[in-house]
Amino acid sequence: MEARIVAIVDVFDALTSRRPYKDSWSVERALSINEQKGKHFNPSIVVSFFCYFDEKAAQKKGCETVRSTGI
């Protein structure tokens, strides 16, 4: 479970950080990682990431369930 959490955070950090070989992505563009839900990332981990990352997303249906389960 820990590795799955680190995977999404690591990808987000890599996308939003400037590197010598690439420019950084905007946060909005980096949040397109949502498209990888169920493909590259565990779907429940993606939902949790969005719930904790974005206050607006936290108000959407499903985030209370995420918080109550502790994921």
PDB file of N, CA and C in Angstrom:
ATOM      1  N   MET A   1       0.828  -1.184   0.000  1.00  0.00           N
ATOM      2  CA  MET A   1       0.000   0.000   0.000  1.00  0.00           C
ATOM      3  C   MET A   1       0.878   1.256   0.000  1.00  0.00           C
ATOM      4  N   GLU A   2       1.909   1.254   0.815  1.00  0.00           N
ATOM      5  CA  GLU A   2       2.771   2.435   0.896  1.00  0.00           C
ATOM      6  C   GLU A   2       3.421   2.754  -0.450  1.00  0.00           C
ATOM      7  N   ALA A   3       3.846   1.723  -1.158  1.00  0.00           N
ATOM      8  CA  ALA A   3       4.487   1.926  -2.460  1.00  0.00           C
ATOM      9  C   ALA A   3       3.515   2.527  -3.465  1.00  0.00           C
ATOM     10  N   ARG A   4       2.255   2.155  -3.393  1.00  0.00           N
ATOM     11  CA  ARG A   4       1.253   2.704  -4.304  1.00  0.00           C
ATOM     12  C   ARG A   4       1.007   4.186  -4.026  1.00  0.00           C
ATOM     13  N   ILE A   5       1.039   4.559  -2.766  1.00  0.00           N
ATOM     14  CA  ILE A   5       0.876   5.962  -2.393  1.00  0.00           C
ATOM     15  C   ILE A   5       2.076   6.765  -2.883  1.00  0.00           C
ATOM     16  N   VAL A   6       3.257   6.250  -2.621  1.00  0.00           N
ATOM     17  CA  VAL A   6       4.484   6.935  -3.041  1.00  0.00           C
ATOM     18  C   VAL A   6       4.528   7.061  -4.560  1.00  0.00           C
ATOM     19  N   ALA A   7       4.023   6.078  -5.282  1.00  0.00           N
ATOM     20  CA  ALA A   7       4.067   6.111  -6.744  1.00  0.00           C
ATOM     21  C   ALA A   7       3.331   7.319  -7.301  1.00  0.00           C
ATOM     22  N   ILE A   8       2.128   7.582  -6.829  1.00  0.00           N
ATOM     23  CA  ILE A   8       1.364   8.714  -7.371  1.00  0.00           C
ATOM     24  C   ILE A   8       1.973  10.046  -6.947  1.00  0.00           C
ATOM     25  N   VAL A   9       2.450  10.119  -5.729  1.00  0.00           N
ATOM     26  CA  VAL A   9       3.081  11.361  -5.248  1.00  0.00           C
ATOM     27  C   VAL A   9       4.381  11.612  -6.005  1.00  0.00           C
ATOM     28  N   ASP A  10       5.146  10.571  -6.255  1.00  0.00           N
ATOM     29  CA  ASP A  10       6.402  10.699  -6.988  1.00  0.00           C
ATOM     30  C   ASP A  10       6.165  11.171  -8.418  1.00  0.00           C
ATOM     31  N   VAL A  11       5.172  10.612  -9.079  1.00  0.00           N
ATOM     32  CA  VAL A  11       4.863  11.036 -10.452  1.00  0.00           C
ATOM     33  C   VAL A  11       4.403  12.486 -10.462  1.00  0.00           C
ATOM     34  N   PHE A  12       3.548  12.852  -9.525  1.00  0.00           N
ATOM     35  CA  PHE A  12       3.076  14.237  -9.457  1.00  0.00           C
ATOM     36  C   PHE A  12       4.251  15.192  -9.239  1.00  0.00           C
ATOM     37  N   ASP A  13       5.140  14.839  -8.328  1.00  0.00           N
ATOM     38  CA  ASP A  13       6.318  15.671  -8.063  1.00  0.00           C
ATOM     39  C   ASP A  13       7.210  15.767  -9.296  1.00  0.00           C
ATOM     40  N   ALA A  14       7.419  14.666  -9.967  1.00  0.00           N
ATOM     41  CA  ALA A  14       8.266  14.667 -11.166  1.00  0.00           C
ATOM     42  C   ALA A  14       7.663  15.543 -12.265  1.00  0.00           C
ATOM     43  N   LEU A  15       6.359  15.497 -12.415  1.00  0.00           N
ATOM     44  CA  LEU A  15       5.710  16.294 -13.457  1.00  0.00           C
ATOM     45  C   LEU A  15       5.752  17.790 -13.144  1.00  0.00           C
ATOM     46  N   THR A  16       5.611  18.145 -11.878  1.00  0.00           N
ATOM     47  CA  THR A  16       5.534  19.568 -11.518  1.00  0.00           C
ATOM     48  C   THR A  16       6.895  20.185 -11.197  1.00  0.00           C
ATOM     49  N   SER A  17       7.943  19.392 -11.251  1.00  0.00           N
ATOM     50  CA  SER A  17       9.293  19.903 -10.974  1.00  0.00           C
ATOM     51  C   SER A  17      10.045  20.134 -12.273  1.00  0.00           C
ATOM     52  N   ARG A  18      10.778  21.225 -12.317  1.00  0.00           N
ATOM     53  CA  ARG A  18      11.610  21.508 -13.486  1.00  0.00           C
ATOM     54  C   ARG A  18      12.845  20.621 -13.419  1.00  0.00           C
ATOM     55  N   ARG A  19      13.196  20.074 -14.549  1.00  0.00           N
ATOM     56  CA  ARG A  19      14.389  19.236 -14.666  1.00  0.00           C
ATOM     57  C   ARG A  19      15.262  19.807 -15.774  1.00  0.00           C
ATOM     58  N   PRO A  20      16.542  19.472 -15.789  1.00  0.00           N
ATOM     59  CA  PRO A  20      17.413  19.994 -16.858  1.00  0.00           C
ATOM     60  C   PRO A  20      16.932  19.609 -18.258  1.00  0.00           C
ATOM     61  N   TYR A  21      16.221  18.513 -18.351  1.00  0.00           N
ATOM     62  CA  TYR A  21      15.777  17.999 -19.643  1.00  0.00           C
ATOM     63  C   TYR A  21      14.313  18.295 -19.966  1.00  0.00           C
ATOM     64  N   LYS A  22      13.594  18.952 -19.043  1.00  0.00           N
ATOM     65  CA  LYS A  22      12.184  19.278 -19.301  1.00  0.00           C
ATOM     66  C   LYS A  22      11.726  20.420 -18.404  1.00  0.00           C
ATOM     67  N   ASP A  23      10.728  21.144 -18.879  1.00  0.00           N
ATOM     68  CA  ASP A  23      10.099  22.173 -18.061  1.00  0.00           C
ATOM     69  C   ASP A  23       9.080  21.523 -17.138  1.00  0.00           C
ATOM     70  N   SER A  24       8.725  22.245 -16.095  1.00  0.00           N
ATOM     71  CA  SER A  24       7.711  21.723 -15.184  1.00  0.00           C
ATOM     72  C   SER A  24       6.327  21.874 -15.807  1.00  0.00           C
ATOM     73  N   TRP A  25       5.441  20.978 -15.444  1.00  0.00           N
ATOM     74  CA  TRP A  25       4.053  21.057 -15.864  1.00  0.00           C
ATOM     75  C   TRP A  25       3.302  21.913 -14.859  1.00  0.00           C
ATOM     76  N   SER A  26       2.222  22.528 -15.288  1.00  0.00           N
ATOM     77  CA  SER A  26       1.345  23.237 -14.355  1.00  0.00           C
ATOM     78  C   SER A  26       0.655  22.190 -13.480  1.00  0.00           C
ATOM     79  N   VAL A  27       0.190  22.624 -12.334  1.00  0.00           N
ATOM     80  CA  VAL A  27      -0.524  21.708 -11.443  1.00  0.00           C
ATOM     81  C   VAL A  27      -1.750  21.148 -12.158  1.00  0.00           C
ATOM     82  N   GLU A  28      -2.455  22.006 -12.873  1.00  0.00           N
ATOM     83  CA  GLU A  28      -3.650  21.552 -13.588  1.00  0.00           C
ATOM     84  C   GLU A  28      -3.311  20.448 -14.590  1.00  0.00           C
ATOM     85  N   ARG A  29      -2.236  20.636 -15.316  1.00  0.00           N
ATOM     86  CA  ARG A  29      -1.831  19.623 -16.298  1.00  0.00           C
ATOM     87  C   ARG A  29      -1.398  18.335 -15.596  1.00  0.00           C
ATOM     88  N   ALA A  30      -0.660  18.470 -14.507  1.00  0.00           N
ATOM     89  CA  ALA A  30      -0.189  17.299 -13.770  1.00  0.00           C
ATOM     90  C   ALA A  30      -1.344  16.504 -13.170  1.00  0.00           C
ATOM     91  N   LEU A  31      -2.427  17.182 -12.856  1.00  0.00           N
ATOM     92  CA  LEU A  31      -3.580  16.478 -12.294  1.00  0.00           C
ATOM     93  C   LEU A  31      -4.262  15.576 -13.318  1.00  0.00           C
ATOM     94  N   SER A  32      -3.779  15.612 -14.543  1.00  0.00           N
ATOM     95  CA  SER A  32      -4.299  14.692 -15.551  1.00  0.00           C
ATOM     96  C   SER A  32      -3.916  13.242 -15.222  1.00  0.00           C
ATOM     97  N   ILE A  33      -3.127  13.052 -14.181  1.00  0.00           N
ATOM     98  CA  ILE A  33      -2.804  11.688 -13.739  1.00  0.00           C
ATOM     99  C   ILE A  33      -4.069  10.930 -13.361  1.00  0.00           C
ATOM    100  N   ASN A  34      -5.150  11.666 -13.173  1.00  0.00           N
ATOM    101  CA  ASN A  34      -6.439  11.037 -12.906  1.00  0.00           C
ATOM    102  C   ASN A  34      -6.812  10.072 -14.037  1.00  0.00           C
ATOM    103  N   GLU A  35      -6.341  10.361 -15.245  1.00  0.00           N
ATOM    104  CA  GLU A  35      -6.625   9.505 -16.392  1.00  0.00           C
ATOM    105  C   GLU A  35      -5.970   8.122 -16.257  1.00  0.00           C
ATOM    106  N   GLN A  36      -4.985   8.021 -15.389  1.00  0.00           N
ATOM    107  CA  GLN A  36      -4.282   6.748 -15.191  1.00  0.00           C
ATOM    108  C   GLN A  36      -4.897   5.899 -14.077  1.00  0.00           C
ATOM    109  N   LYS A  37      -6.007   6.377 -13.526  1.00  0.00           N
ATOM    110  CA  LYS A  37      -6.706   5.640 -12.468  1.00  0.00           C
ATOM    111  C   LYS A  37      -7.160   4.293 -13.010  1.00  0.00           C
ATOM    112  N   GLY A  38      -6.743   3.243 -12.364  1.00  0.00           N
ATOM    113  CA  GLY A  38      -7.100   1.898 -12.790  1.00  0.00           C
ATOM    114  C   GLY A  38      -6.170   1.322 -13.843  1.00  0.00           C
ATOM    115  N   LYS A  39      -5.282   2.146 -14.373  1.00  0.00           N
ATOM    116  CA  LYS A  39      -4.317   1.676 -15.364  1.00  0.00           C
ATOM    117  C   LYS A  39      -2.937   1.592 -14.719  1.00  0.00           C
ATOM    118  N   HIS A  40      -2.416   2.746 -14.345  1.00  0.00           N
ATOM    119  CA  HIS A  40      -1.090   2.818 -13.731  1.00  0.00           C
ATOM    120  C   HIS A  40      -1.186   2.932 -12.209  1.00  0.00           C
ATOM    121  N   PHE A  41      -2.266   3.559 -11.740  1.00  0.00           N
ATOM    122  CA  PHE A  41      -2.433   3.801 -10.302  1.00  0.00           C
ATOM    123  C   PHE A  41      -3.680   3.105  -9.772  1.00  0.00           C
ATOM    124  N   ASN A  42      -3.600   2.695  -8.531  1.00  0.00           N
ATOM    125  CA  ASN A  42      -4.733   2.104  -7.837  1.00  0.00           C
ATOM    126  C   ASN A  42      -5.855   3.149  -7.767  1.00  0.00           C
ATOM    127  N   PRO A  43      -7.071   2.816  -8.212  1.00  0.00           N
ATOM    128  CA  PRO A  43      -8.157   3.795  -8.234  1.00  0.00           C
ATOM    129  C   PRO A  43      -8.448   4.451  -6.882  1.00  0.00           C
ATOM    130  N   SER A  44      -8.426   3.685  -5.799  1.00  0.00           N
ATOM    131  CA  SER A  44      -8.721   4.277  -4.493  1.00  0.00           C
ATOM    132  C   SER A  44      -7.612   5.226  -4.044  1.00  0.00           C
ATOM    133  N   ILE A  45      -6.382   4.957  -4.449  1.00  0.00           N
ATOM    134  CA  ILE A  45      -5.269   5.851  -4.114  1.00  0.00           C
ATOM    135  C   ILE A  45      -5.415   7.166  -4.876  1.00  0.00           C
ATOM    136  N   VAL A  46      -5.849   7.102  -6.137  1.00  0.00           N
ATOM    137  CA  VAL A  46      -6.056   8.319  -6.925  1.00  0.00           C
ATOM    138  C   VAL A  46      -7.150   9.166  -6.294  1.00  0.00           C
ATOM    139  N   VAL A  47      -8.254   8.559  -5.904  1.00  0.00           N
ATOM    140  CA  VAL A  47      -9.348   9.293  -5.269  1.00  0.00           C
ATOM    141  C   VAL A  47      -8.851   9.943  -3.986  1.00  0.00           C
ATOM    142  N   SER A  48      -8.102   9.204  -3.192  1.00  0.00           N
ATOM    143  CA  SER A  48      -7.561   9.755  -1.947  1.00  0.00           C
ATOM    144  C   SER A  48      -6.632  10.924  -2.213  1.00  0.00           C
ATOM    145  N   PHE A  49      -5.783  10.795  -3.215  1.00  0.00           N
ATOM    146  CA  PHE A  49      -4.858  11.867  -3.573  1.00  0.00           C
ATOM    147  C   PHE A  49      -5.629  13.135  -3.909  1.00  0.00           C
ATOM    148  N   PHE A  50      -6.650  13.004  -4.735  1.00  0.00           N
ATOM    149  CA  PHE A  50      -7.429  14.173  -5.120  1.00  0.00           C
ATOM    150  C   PHE A  50      -8.194  14.758  -3.946  1.00  0.00           C
ATOM    151  N   CYS A  51      -8.705  13.926  -3.073  1.00  0.00           N
ATOM    152  CA  CYS A  51      -9.457  14.421  -1.911  1.00  0.00           C
ATOM    153  C   CYS A  51      -8.570  15.227  -0.974  1.00  0.00           C
ATOM    154  N   TYR A  52      -7.358  14.783  -0.758  1.00  0.00           N
ATOM    155  CA  TYR A  52      -6.453  15.485   0.149  1.00  0.00           C
ATOM    156  C   TYR A  52      -5.720  16.629  -0.526  1.00  0.00           C
ATOM    157  N   PHE A  53      -5.557  16.542  -1.850  1.00  0.00           N
ATOM    158  CA  PHE A  53      -4.821  17.569  -2.579  1.00  0.00           C
ATOM    159  C   PHE A  53      -5.662  18.796  -2.832  1.00  0.00           C
ATOM    160  N   ASP A  54      -6.891  18.595  -3.220  1.00  0.00           N
ATOM    161  CA  ASP A  54      -7.734  19.680  -3.696  1.00  0.00           C
ATOM    162  C   ASP A  54      -8.945  19.852  -2.784  1.00  0.00           C
ATOM    163  N   GLU A  55      -9.058  21.010  -2.175  1.00  0.00           N
ATOM    164  CA  GLU A  55     -10.159  21.275  -1.253  1.00  0.00           C
ATOM    165  C   GLU A  55     -11.505  21.191  -1.963  1.00  0.00           C
ATOM    166  N   LYS A  56     -11.564  21.653  -3.209  1.00  0.00           N
ATOM    167  CA  LYS A  56     -12.820  21.565  -3.963  1.00  0.00           C
ATOM    168  C   LYS A  56     -13.198  20.114  -4.201  1.00  0.00           C
ATOM    169  N   ALA A  57     -12.213  19.292  -4.511  1.00  0.00           N
ATOM    170  CA  ALA A  57     -12.484  17.867  -4.723  1.00  0.00           C
ATOM    171  C   ALA A  57     -12.948  17.226  -3.427  1.00  0.00           C
ATOM    172  N   ALA A  58     -12.439  17.697  -2.320  1.00  0.00           N
ATOM    173  CA  ALA A  58     -12.798  17.134  -1.016  1.00  0.00           C
ATOM    174  C   ALA A  58     -14.270  17.346  -0.703  1.00  0.00           C
ATOM    175  N   GLN A  59     -14.871  18.348  -1.306  1.00  0.00           N
ATOM    176  CA  GLN A  59     -16.287  18.626  -1.074  1.00  0.00           C
ATOM    177  C   GLN A  59     -17.184  17.756  -1.943  1.00  0.00           C
ATOM    178  N   LYS A  60     -16.591  17.085  -2.926  1.00  0.00           N
ATOM    179  CA  LYS A  60     -17.373  16.237  -3.817  1.00  0.00           C
ATOM    180  C   LYS A  60     -17.705  14.907  -3.140  1.00  0.00           C
ATOM    181  N   LYS A  61     -18.705  14.284  -3.669  1.00  0.00           N
ATOM    182  CA  LYS A  61     -19.144  12.995  -3.137  1.00  0.00           C
ATOM    183  C   LYS A  61     -18.004  11.975  -3.187  1.00  0.00           C
ATOM    184  N   GLY A  62     -17.855  11.232  -2.134  1.00  0.00           N
ATOM    185  CA  GLY A  62     -16.845  10.184  -2.088  1.00  0.00           C
ATOM    186  C   GLY A  62     -15.693  10.492  -1.160  1.00  0.00           C
ATOM    187  N   CYS A  63     -15.396  11.759  -0.935  1.00  0.00           N
ATOM    188  CA  CYS A  63     -14.244  12.096  -0.097  1.00  0.00           C
ATOM    189  C   CYS A  63     -14.501  11.819   1.371  1.00  0.00           C
ATOM    190  N   GLU A  64     -15.735  11.927   1.811  1.00  0.00           N
ATOM    191  CA  GLU A  64     -16.031  11.596   3.209  1.00  0.00           C
ATOM    192  C   GLU A  64     -15.794  10.116   3.453  1.00  0.00           C
ATOM    193  N   THR A  65     -16.113   9.295   2.474  1.00  0.00           N
ATOM    194  CA  THR A  65     -15.863   7.856   2.571  1.00  0.00           C
ATOM    195  C   THR A  65     -14.366   7.596   2.660  1.00  0.00           C
ATOM    196  N   VAL A  66     -13.601   8.307   1.847  1.00  0.00           N
ATOM    197  CA  VAL A  66     -12.147   8.157   1.854  1.00  0.00           C
ATOM    198  C   VAL A  66     -11.597   8.516   3.217  1.00  0.00           C
ATOM    199  N   ARG A  67     -12.037   9.613   3.776  1.00  0.00           N
ATOM    200  CA  ARG A  67     -11.530  10.050   5.086  1.00  0.00           C
ATOM    201  C   ARG A  67     -11.930   9.087   6.195  1.00  0.00           C
ATOM    202  N   SER A  68     -13.129   8.549   6.115  1.00  0.00           N
ATOM    203  CA  SER A  68     -13.576   7.653   7.180  1.00  0.00           C
ATOM    204  C   SER A  68     -12.842   6.322   7.147  1.00  0.00           C
ATOM    205  N   THR A  69     -12.365   5.912   5.972  1.00  0.00           N
ATOM    206  CA  THR A  69     -11.629   4.644   5.880  1.00  0.00           C
ATOM    207  C   THR A  69     -10.149   4.819   6.150  1.00  0.00           C
ATOM    208  N   GLY A  70      -9.684   6.072   6.122  1.00  0.00           N
ATOM    209  CA  GLY A  70      -8.289   6.331   6.399  1.00  0.00           C
ATOM    210  C   GLY A  70      -7.359   6.062   5.242  1.00  0.00           C
ATOM    211  N   ILE A  71      -7.897   5.925   4.044  1.00  0.00           N
ATOM    212  CA  ILE A  71      -7.044   5.683   2.870  1.00  0.00           C
ATOM    213  C   ILE A  71      -6.472   6.995   2.410  1.00  0.00           C
TER     214      ILE A  71
END
